[in-house]
Amino acid sequence: MTHKHKIIGCIPARYASTRLPGKPLSDINGKPMIIHVVERALQAATLSDVIVLTDDPRIYDVVNDADYSVAMTSENCASGTDRIAEYMQESHADIFVNIQGDEVTLDPLHINHLVHSFVAQAEPQMGTLSHWCTDKQTLAAPSNVKVVTAINGNALYFSRNMIPVQQNGEFADKGQIHIGVYIYTRETLNRLMKLEQTPLEQTEKLEQLRALENDIAINVTTLDNYQGLAVDTPEDLEKARELLA
């Protein structure tokens, strides 16, 4: 692939978060969370634009009033991927990057790194990010999704449990923690859109397993020294306010 492709960053955002209702509009030092994420994503030189995709007029208005790109999508979208697939019908982009709306410490260089390694492949389908971790407690937490990869960097499996484990059931010395940023070609998104939920996806409650179960390759770009913060709880929100102060 060449770099002549139009690559767009998409930030799916819904108002109803179970643990933190109205999360995208949570105030972090005088600015809504979603705006922090948009501004960071726009610093990624590889993206030709960044657009927020929402089904909530409150989020739409906040982003629109701040003069950033935003589009309304259907309330029936079950996931961020579905939201992007719906938006894709009216977009001319070739490649779509799915950015989490709660990654307030998003590093634009990580997005560039993901895009560069994606377009460098002969026939890329889908890609994502991970980082190595040696902390046993972090690796044990089901909220931290783990991934194991093949020699060529493609994902073999994602799990909420620690993978890999040693023969005696002990944890390995280190594991790769998945970072929920995705990149897809238009063709891959088209395919994903038409696929039913799969058994492993339903078991682990991990949407990316639908791709693997249908033989869609997910290439994993591993980051060094990753320091991320996804805001899921009121405690995370406080942490984000301190970090960005």
C-alpha atoms as a PDB file:
ATOM      1  CA  MET A   1       0.000   0.000   0.000  1.00  0.00           C
ATOM      2  CA  THR A   2       1.106   3.558  -0.579  1.00  0.00           C
ATOM      3  CA  HIS A   3       0.597   6.646   1.505  1.00  0.00           C
ATOM      4  CA  LYS A   4      -1.676   8.246  -1.079  1.00  0.00           C
ATOM      5  CA  HIS A   5      -4.678   6.872   0.756  1.00  0.00           C
ATOM      6  CA  LYS A   6      -7.124   9.097   2.538  1.00  0.00           C
ATOM      7  CA  ILE A   7      -6.996   8.090   6.194  1.00  0.00           C
ATOM      8  CA  ILE A   8      -9.588   9.403   8.623  1.00  0.00           C
ATOM      9  CA  GLY A   9      -9.695   9.176  12.414  1.00  0.00           C
ATOM     10  CA  CYS A  10     -13.139   8.296  13.801  1.00  0.00           C
ATOM     11  CA  ILE A  11     -14.114   8.745  17.452  1.00  0.00           C
ATOM     12  CA  PRO A  12     -17.355   6.907  18.264  1.00  0.00           C
ATOM     13  CA  ALA A  13     -19.000   8.550  21.280  1.00  0.00           C
ATOM     14  CA  ARG A  14     -22.206   7.667  23.078  1.00  0.00           C
ATOM     15  CA  TYR A  15     -23.733   9.455  26.028  1.00  0.00           C
ATOM     16  CA  ALA A  16     -24.896   6.373  27.912  1.00  0.00           C
ATOM     17  CA  SER A  17     -21.912   4.853  29.694  1.00  0.00           C
ATOM     18  CA  THR A  18     -22.876   2.407  32.450  1.00  0.00           C
ATOM     19  CA  ARG A  19     -20.123   3.381  34.876  1.00  0.00           C
ATOM     20  CA  LEU A  20     -19.958   7.065  34.009  1.00  0.00           C
ATOM     21  CA  PRO A  21     -23.116   8.481  32.361  1.00  0.00           C
ATOM     22  CA  GLY A  22     -22.448  11.406  30.017  1.00  0.00           C
ATOM     23  CA  LYS A  23     -18.774  10.441  29.997  1.00  0.00           C
ATOM     24  CA  PRO A  24     -17.739  12.186  26.727  1.00  0.00           C
ATOM     25  CA  LEU A  25     -18.949  15.521  28.130  1.00  0.00           C
ATOM     26  CA  SER A  26     -17.227  15.111  31.519  1.00  0.00           C
ATOM     27  CA  ASP A  27     -15.331  18.283  32.321  1.00  0.00           C
ATOM     28  CA  ILE A  28     -11.557  17.942  32.479  1.00  0.00           C
ATOM     29  CA  ASN A  29      -9.958  21.250  33.425  1.00  0.00           C
ATOM     30  CA  GLY A  30     -12.565  23.407  31.685  1.00  0.00           C
ATOM     31  CA  LYS A  31     -12.913  21.293  28.540  1.00  0.00           C
ATOM     32  CA  PRO A  32     -15.167  18.292  27.755  1.00  0.00           C
ATOM     33  CA  MET A  33     -13.319  14.979  27.564  1.00  0.00           C
ATOM     34  CA  ILE A  34     -14.298  14.382  23.930  1.00  0.00           C
ATOM     35  CA  ILE A  35     -12.665  17.687  22.882  1.00  0.00           C
ATOM     36  CA  HIS A  36      -9.384  16.703  24.601  1.00  0.00           C
ATOM     37  CA  VAL A  37      -9.365  13.477  22.545  1.00  0.00           C
ATOM     38  CA  VAL A  38     -10.224  15.242  19.255  1.00  0.00           C
ATOM     39  CA  GLU A  39      -7.450  17.798  19.729  1.00  0.00           C
ATOM     40  CA  ARG A  40      -4.865  15.122  20.459  1.00  0.00           C
ATOM     41  CA  ALA A  41      -5.960  12.974  17.510  1.00  0.00           C
ATOM     42  CA  LEU A  42      -5.733  15.971  15.161  1.00  0.00           C
ATOM     43  CA  GLN A  43      -2.024  16.206  15.992  1.00  0.00           C
ATOM     44  CA  ALA A  44      -1.444  12.860  14.224  1.00  0.00           C
ATOM     45  CA  ALA A  45       0.118  13.851  10.896  1.00  0.00           C
ATOM     46  CA  THR A  46      -1.066  10.644   9.192  1.00  0.00           C
ATOM     47  CA  LEU A  47      -4.775  11.501   9.546  1.00  0.00           C
ATOM     48  CA  SER A  48      -6.425  13.740   6.964  1.00  0.00           C
ATOM     49  CA  ASP A  49      -9.278  14.535   9.381  1.00  0.00           C
ATOM     50  CA  VAL A  50     -10.781  13.459  12.695  1.00  0.00           C
ATOM     51  CA  ILE A  51     -14.539  13.092  13.098  1.00  0.00           C
ATOM     52  CA  VAL A  52     -16.706  12.335  16.138  1.00  0.00           C
ATOM     53  CA  LEU A  53     -19.551   9.867  15.450  1.00  0.00           C
ATOM     54  CA  THR A  54     -22.421  10.045  17.928  1.00  0.00           C
ATOM     55  CA  ASP A  55     -26.106   9.289  18.342  1.00  0.00           C
ATOM     56  CA  ASP A  56     -26.584  12.013  20.946  1.00  0.00           C
ATOM     57  CA  PRO A  57     -27.467  15.637  20.079  1.00  0.00           C
ATOM     58  CA  ARG A  58     -25.706  16.902  23.241  1.00  0.00           C
ATOM     59  CA  ILE A  59     -22.383  15.453  22.117  1.00  0.00           C
ATOM     60  CA  TYR A  60     -23.033  16.603  18.540  1.00  0.00           C
ATOM     61  CA  ASP A  61     -23.597  20.200  19.678  1.00  0.00           C
ATOM     62  CA  VAL A  62     -20.521  20.333  21.914  1.00  0.00           C
ATOM     63  CA  VAL A  63     -18.204  19.112  19.134  1.00  0.00           C
ATOM     64  CA  ASN A  64     -19.894  21.221  16.464  1.00  0.00           C
ATOM     65  CA  ASP A  65     -19.735  24.372  18.622  1.00  0.00           C
ATOM     66  CA  ALA A  66     -16.009  23.768  19.119  1.00  0.00           C
ATOM     67  CA  ASP A  67     -15.715  23.764  15.311  1.00  0.00           C
ATOM     68  CA  TYR A  68     -14.609  20.153  14.883  1.00  0.00           C
ATOM     69  CA  SER A  69     -16.035  17.512  12.508  1.00  0.00           C
ATOM     70  CA  VAL A  70     -18.982  15.533  13.854  1.00  0.00           C
ATOM     71  CA  ALA A  71     -21.719  13.333  12.358  1.00  0.00           C
ATOM     72  CA  MET A  72     -24.919  11.827  13.735  1.00  0.00           C
ATOM     73  CA  THR A  73     -25.209   8.045  13.472  1.00  0.00           C
ATOM     74  CA  SER A  74     -28.079   5.684  14.232  1.00  0.00           C
ATOM     75  CA  GLU A  75     -29.017   4.699  17.799  1.00  0.00           C
ATOM     76  CA  ASN A  76     -29.064   1.073  16.641  1.00  0.00           C
ATOM     77  CA  CYS A  77     -25.278   0.823  16.287  1.00  0.00           C
ATOM     78  CA  ALA A  78     -24.208  -1.922  18.684  1.00  0.00           C
ATOM     79  CA  SER A  79     -20.537  -0.925  18.685  1.00  0.00           C
ATOM     80  CA  GLY A  80     -18.066   1.728  17.634  1.00  0.00           C
ATOM     81  CA  THR A  81     -17.190  -0.375  14.586  1.00  0.00           C
ATOM     82  CA  ASP A  82     -20.847  -0.372  13.500  1.00  0.00           C
ATOM     83  CA  ARG A  83     -20.920   3.412  13.886  1.00  0.00           C
ATOM     84  CA  ILE A  84     -17.849   3.801  11.681  1.00  0.00           C
ATOM     85  CA  ALA A  85     -19.228   1.329   9.116  1.00  0.00           C
ATOM     86  CA  GLU A  86     -22.425   3.378   8.915  1.00  0.00           C
ATOM     87  CA  TYR A  87     -20.488   6.641   8.491  1.00  0.00           C
ATOM     88  CA  MET A  88     -18.257   4.978   5.854  1.00  0.00           C
ATOM     89  CA  GLN A  89     -21.203   4.863   3.431  1.00  0.00           C
ATOM     90  CA  GLU A  90     -20.990   8.637   3.054  1.00  0.00           C
ATOM     91  CA  SER A  91     -17.215   9.020   3.397  1.00  0.00           C
ATOM     92  CA  HIS A  92     -14.567   8.914   0.651  1.00  0.00           C
ATOM     93  CA  ALA A  93     -11.784   7.694   2.940  1.00  0.00           C
ATOM     94  CA  ASP A  94      -9.901   4.460   2.154  1.00  0.00           C
ATOM     95  CA  ILE A  95      -8.696   3.688   5.670  1.00  0.00           C
ATOM     96  CA  PHE A  96     -10.435   4.326   8.988  1.00  0.00           C
ATOM     97  CA  VAL A  97      -8.823   4.594  12.429  1.00  0.00           C
ATOM     98  CA  ASN A  98     -11.139   3.842  15.357  1.00  0.00           C
ATOM     99  CA  ILE A  99     -10.053   5.999  18.319  1.00  0.00           C
ATOM    100  CA  GLN A 100     -11.555   5.555  21.784  1.00  0.00           C
ATOM    101  CA  GLY A 101     -13.349   8.662  23.016  1.00  0.00           C
ATOM    102  CA  ASP A 102     -12.036   8.183  26.560  1.00  0.00           C
ATOM    103  CA  GLU A 103      -8.299   7.911  25.771  1.00  0.00           C
ATOM    104  CA  VAL A 104      -7.525  11.358  27.168  1.00  0.00           C
ATOM    105  CA  THR A 105      -3.762  10.815  27.171  1.00  0.00           C
ATOM    106  CA  LEU A 106      -3.759   9.634  23.550  1.00  0.00           C
ATOM    107  CA  ASP A 107      -0.344  10.101  21.949  1.00  0.00           C
ATOM    108  CA  PRO A 108      -0.626  11.256  18.301  1.00  0.00           C
ATOM    109  CA  LEU A 109       2.731   9.567  17.590  1.00  0.00           C
ATOM    110  CA  HIS A 110       1.180   6.198  18.485  1.00  0.00           C
ATOM    111  CA  ILE A 111      -1.494   6.741  15.828  1.00  0.00           C
ATOM    112  CA  ASN A 112       1.209   7.626  13.290  1.00  0.00           C
ATOM    113  CA  HIS A 113       3.136   4.485  14.276  1.00  0.00           C
ATOM    114  CA  LEU A 114       0.012   2.340  13.777  1.00  0.00           C
ATOM    115  CA  VAL A 115      -0.786   3.915  10.388  1.00  0.00           C
ATOM    116  CA  HIS A 116       2.788   3.587   9.120  1.00  0.00           C
ATOM    117  CA  SER A 117       3.063  -0.105  10.025  1.00  0.00           C
ATOM    118  CA  PHE A 118      -0.407  -0.751   8.551  1.00  0.00           C
ATOM    119  CA  VAL A 119       0.234   0.828   5.144  1.00  0.00           C
ATOM    120  CA  ALA A 120       3.668  -0.831   4.974  1.00  0.00           C
ATOM    121  CA  GLN A 121       1.986  -4.254   4.692  1.00  0.00           C
ATOM    122  CA  ALA A 122       1.318  -5.796   1.295  1.00  0.00           C
ATOM    123  CA  GLU A 123      -2.380  -6.462   1.882  1.00  0.00           C
ATOM    124  CA  PRO A 124      -3.441  -5.089   5.242  1.00  0.00           C
ATOM    125  CA  GLN A 125      -6.920  -5.852   6.581  1.00  0.00           C
ATOM    126  CA  MET A 126      -7.049  -4.635  10.148  1.00  0.00           C
ATOM    127  CA  GLY A 127      -4.581  -3.463  12.781  1.00  0.00           C
ATOM    128  CA  THR A 128      -4.407  -2.507  16.451  1.00  0.00           C
ATOM    129  CA  LEU A 129      -1.961  -1.567  19.236  1.00  0.00           C
ATOM    130  CA  SER A 130      -0.533  -3.290  22.308  1.00  0.00           C
ATOM    131  CA  HIS A 131       2.189  -2.803  24.903  1.00  0.00           C
ATOM    132  CA  TRP A 132       4.249  -5.215  27.005  1.00  0.00           C
ATOM    133  CA  CYS A 133       3.541  -5.475  30.706  1.00  0.00           C
ATOM    134  CA  THR A 134       5.269  -7.360  33.540  1.00  0.00           C
ATOM    135  CA  ASP A 135       2.984  -6.350  36.421  1.00  0.00           C
ATOM    136  CA  LYS A 136       1.063  -9.461  37.496  1.00  0.00           C
ATOM    137  CA  GLN A 137      -1.861  -7.526  38.985  1.00  0.00           C
ATOM    138  CA  THR A 138      -2.380  -5.518  35.786  1.00  0.00           C
ATOM    139  CA  LEU A 139      -2.176  -8.693  33.717  1.00  0.00           C
ATOM    140  CA  ALA A 140      -4.691 -10.469  35.952  1.00  0.00           C
ATOM    141  CA  ALA A 141      -7.386  -7.761  35.657  1.00  0.00           C
ATOM    142  CA  PRO A 142     -10.188  -8.838  33.253  1.00  0.00           C
ATOM    143  CA  SER A 143     -10.653  -5.165  32.291  1.00  0.00           C
ATOM    144  CA  ASN A 144      -7.189  -5.280  30.684  1.00  0.00           C
ATOM    145  CA  VAL A 145      -7.491  -7.310  27.498  1.00  0.00           C
ATOM    146  CA  LYS A 146      -4.461  -9.429  26.623  1.00  0.00           C
ATOM    147  CA  VAL A 147      -3.277 -10.448  23.148  1.00  0.00           C
ATOM    148  CA  VAL A 148      -0.834 -13.066  21.834  1.00  0.00           C
ATOM    149  CA  THR A 149       0.710 -12.704  18.389  1.00  0.00           C
ATOM    150  CA  ALA A 150       2.302 -14.828  15.693  1.00  0.00           C
ATOM    151  CA  ILE A 151       5.893 -14.321  14.496  1.00  0.00           C
ATOM    152  CA  ASN A 152       4.601 -11.968  11.775  1.00  0.00           C
ATOM    153  CA  GLY A 153       2.859  -9.734  14.325  1.00  0.00           C
ATOM    154  CA  ASN A 154      -0.692 -10.889  13.559  1.00  0.00           C
ATOM    155  CA  ALA A 155      -2.964 -11.540  16.528  1.00  0.00           C
ATOM    156  CA  LEU A 156      -3.583 -15.185  17.395  1.00  0.00           C
ATOM    157  CA  TYR A 157      -6.048 -14.521  20.218  1.00  0.00           C
ATOM    158  CA  PHE A 158      -7.388 -11.847  22.582  1.00  0.00           C
ATOM    159  CA  SER A 159      -8.591 -12.687  26.086  1.00  0.00           C
ATOM    160  CA  ARG A 160      -9.660 -11.109  29.365  1.00  0.00           C
ATOM    161  CA  ASN A 161      -7.642 -13.828  31.073  1.00  0.00           C
ATOM    162  CA  MET A 162      -3.875 -13.842  31.166  1.00  0.00           C
ATOM    163  CA  ILE A 163      -2.386 -15.319  27.983  1.00  0.00           C
ATOM    164  CA  PRO A 164       0.039 -16.981  27.599  1.00  0.00           C
ATOM    165  CA  VAL A 165       0.319 -19.090  30.781  1.00  0.00           C
ATOM    166  CA  GLN A 166       3.069 -21.565  31.599  1.00  0.00           C
ATOM    167  CA  GLN A 167       2.488 -25.306  31.581  1.00  0.00           C
ATOM    168  CA  ASN A 168       2.047 -25.376  35.368  1.00  0.00           C
ATOM    169  CA  GLY A 169      -0.614 -22.643  35.183  1.00  0.00           C
ATOM    170  CA  GLU A 170       1.701 -19.883  36.423  1.00  0.00           C
ATOM    171  CA  PHE A 171       1.728 -16.509  34.624  1.00  0.00           C
ATOM    172  CA  ALA A 172       4.425 -15.940  32.035  1.00  0.00           C
ATOM    173  CA  ASP A 173       7.035 -13.260  32.870  1.00  0.00           C
ATOM    174  CA  LYS A 174       5.292 -10.736  30.648  1.00  0.00           C
ATOM    175  CA  GLY A 175       2.197 -10.301  28.543  1.00  0.00           C
ATOM    176  CA  GLN A 176       0.922  -7.946  25.885  1.00  0.00           C
ATOM    177  CA  ILE A 177      -1.932  -5.689  26.883  1.00  0.00           C
ATOM    178  CA  HIS A 178      -4.241  -4.632  24.094  1.00  0.00           C
ATOM    179  CA  ILE A 179      -4.818  -0.905  23.440  1.00  0.00           C
ATOM    180  CA  GLY A 180      -8.255  -0.337  21.923  1.00  0.00           C
ATOM    181  CA  VAL A 181      -7.311   1.654  18.838  1.00  0.00           C
ATOM    182  CA  TYR A 182      -8.134  -0.033  15.517  1.00  0.00           C
ATOM    183  CA  ILE A 183      -7.351   0.616  11.874  1.00  0.00           C
ATOM    184  CA  TYR A 184      -9.258  -0.951   8.977  1.00  0.00           C
ATOM    185  CA  THR A 185      -9.504  -0.755   5.225  1.00  0.00           C
ATOM    186  CA  ARG A 186     -12.876   0.018   3.690  1.00  0.00           C
ATOM    187  CA  GLU A 187     -13.106  -3.606   2.478  1.00  0.00           C
ATOM    188  CA  THR A 188     -12.538  -5.006   5.967  1.00  0.00           C
ATOM    189  CA  LEU A 189     -15.151  -2.700   7.491  1.00  0.00           C
ATOM    190  CA  ASN A 190     -17.594  -3.775   4.802  1.00  0.00           C
ATOM    191  CA  ARG A 191     -16.999  -7.405   5.706  1.00  0.00           C
ATOM    192  CA  LEU A 192     -17.203  -6.856   9.472  1.00  0.00           C
ATOM    193  CA  MET A 193     -20.488  -5.027   9.071  1.00  0.00           C
ATOM    194  CA  LYS A 194     -22.164  -8.082   7.582  1.00  0.00           C
ATOM    195  CA  LEU A 195     -20.893 -10.627  10.107  1.00  0.00           C
ATOM    196  CA  GLU A 196     -22.995 -12.051  12.933  1.00  0.00           C
ATOM    197  CA  GLN A 197     -21.634 -12.205  16.470  1.00  0.00           C
ATOM    198  CA  THR A 198     -19.378 -15.249  16.892  1.00  0.00           C
ATOM    199  CA  PRO A 199     -19.108 -17.815  19.725  1.00  0.00           C
ATOM    200  CA  LEU A 200     -15.744 -16.636  21.100  1.00  0.00           C
ATOM    201  CA  GLU A 201     -16.813 -13.005  20.824  1.00  0.00           C
ATOM    202  CA  GLN A 202     -19.907 -13.772  22.897  1.00  0.00           C
ATOM    203  CA  THR A 203     -17.907 -15.754  25.454  1.00  0.00           C
ATOM    204  CA  GLU A 204     -15.172 -13.168  26.036  1.00  0.00           C
ATOM    205  CA  LYS A 205     -17.343 -10.128  25.192  1.00  0.00           C
ATOM    206  CA  LEU A 206     -14.600  -8.959  22.827  1.00  0.00           C
ATOM    207  CA  GLU A 207     -15.706  -7.604  19.470  1.00  0.00           C
ATOM    208  CA  GLN A 208     -12.296  -8.091  17.806  1.00  0.00           C
ATOM    209  CA  LEU A 209     -12.669 -11.870  18.099  1.00  0.00           C
ATOM    210  CA  ARG A 210     -15.395 -11.690  15.437  1.00  0.00           C
ATOM    211  CA  ALA A 211     -12.686 -10.656  12.965  1.00  0.00           C
ATOM    212  CA  LEU A 212     -10.305 -13.451  14.000  1.00  0.00           C
ATOM    213  CA  GLU A 213     -13.046 -16.091  13.940  1.00  0.00           C
ATOM    214  CA  ASN A 214     -13.829 -15.045  10.367  1.00  0.00           C
ATOM    215  CA  ASP A 215     -10.180 -15.204   9.275  1.00  0.00           C
ATOM    216  CA  ILE A 216      -9.606 -11.437   9.118  1.00  0.00           C
ATOM    217  CA  ALA A 217      -5.966 -10.767  10.025  1.00  0.00           C
ATOM    218  CA  ILE A 218      -5.381  -8.217  12.800  1.00  0.00           C
ATOM    219  CA  ASN A 219      -1.807  -6.957  12.761  1.00  0.00           C
ATOM    220  CA  VAL A 220      -0.579  -5.801  16.179  1.00  0.00           C
ATOM    221  CA  THR A 221       1.813  -2.857  16.484  1.00  0.00           C
ATOM    222  CA  THR A 222       3.591  -3.049  19.837  1.00  0.00           C
ATOM    223  CA  LEU A 223       4.480   0.215  21.554  1.00  0.00           C
ATOM    224  CA  ASP A 224       7.374   0.831  23.926  1.00  0.00           C
ATOM    225  CA  ASN A 225       6.977   2.906  27.100  1.00  0.00           C
ATOM    226  CA  TYR A 226       3.186   3.245  26.802  1.00  0.00           C
ATOM    227  CA  GLN A 227       1.495   5.386  29.467  1.00  0.00           C
ATOM    228  CA  GLY A 228      -2.192   5.489  28.701  1.00  0.00           C
ATOM    229  CA  LEU A 229      -5.297   6.330  30.653  1.00  0.00           C
ATOM    230  CA  ALA A 230      -8.774   5.344  29.546  1.00  0.00           C
ATOM    231  CA  VAL A 231     -11.461   6.974  31.662  1.00  0.00           C
ATOM    232  CA  ASP A 232     -13.975   4.336  32.809  1.00  0.00           C
ATOM    233  CA  THR A 233     -14.745   5.294  36.395  1.00  0.00           C
ATOM    234  CA  PRO A 234     -15.087   8.472  38.521  1.00  0.00           C
ATOM    235  CA  GLU A 235     -11.607   7.637  39.943  1.00  0.00           C
ATOM    236  CA  ASP A 236     -10.138   7.590  36.412  1.00  0.00           C
ATOM    237  CA  LEU A 237     -11.755  10.977  35.787  1.00  0.00           C
ATOM    238  CA  GLU A 238      -9.993  12.444  38.828  1.00  0.00           C
ATOM    239  CA  LYS A 239      -6.719  10.926  37.651  1.00  0.00           C
ATOM    240  CA  ALA A 240      -7.229  12.473  34.184  1.00  0.00           C
ATOM    241  CA  ARG A 241      -7.850  15.905  35.734  1.00  0.00           C
ATOM    242  CA  GLU A 242      -4.576  15.652  37.675  1.00  0.00           C
ATOM    243  CA  LEU A 243      -2.616  14.415  34.635  1.00  0.00           C
ATOM    244  CA  LEU A 244      -3.887  17.136  32.327  1.00  0.00           C
ATOM    245  CA  ALA A 245      -3.752  19.924  34.895  1.00  0.00           C
END
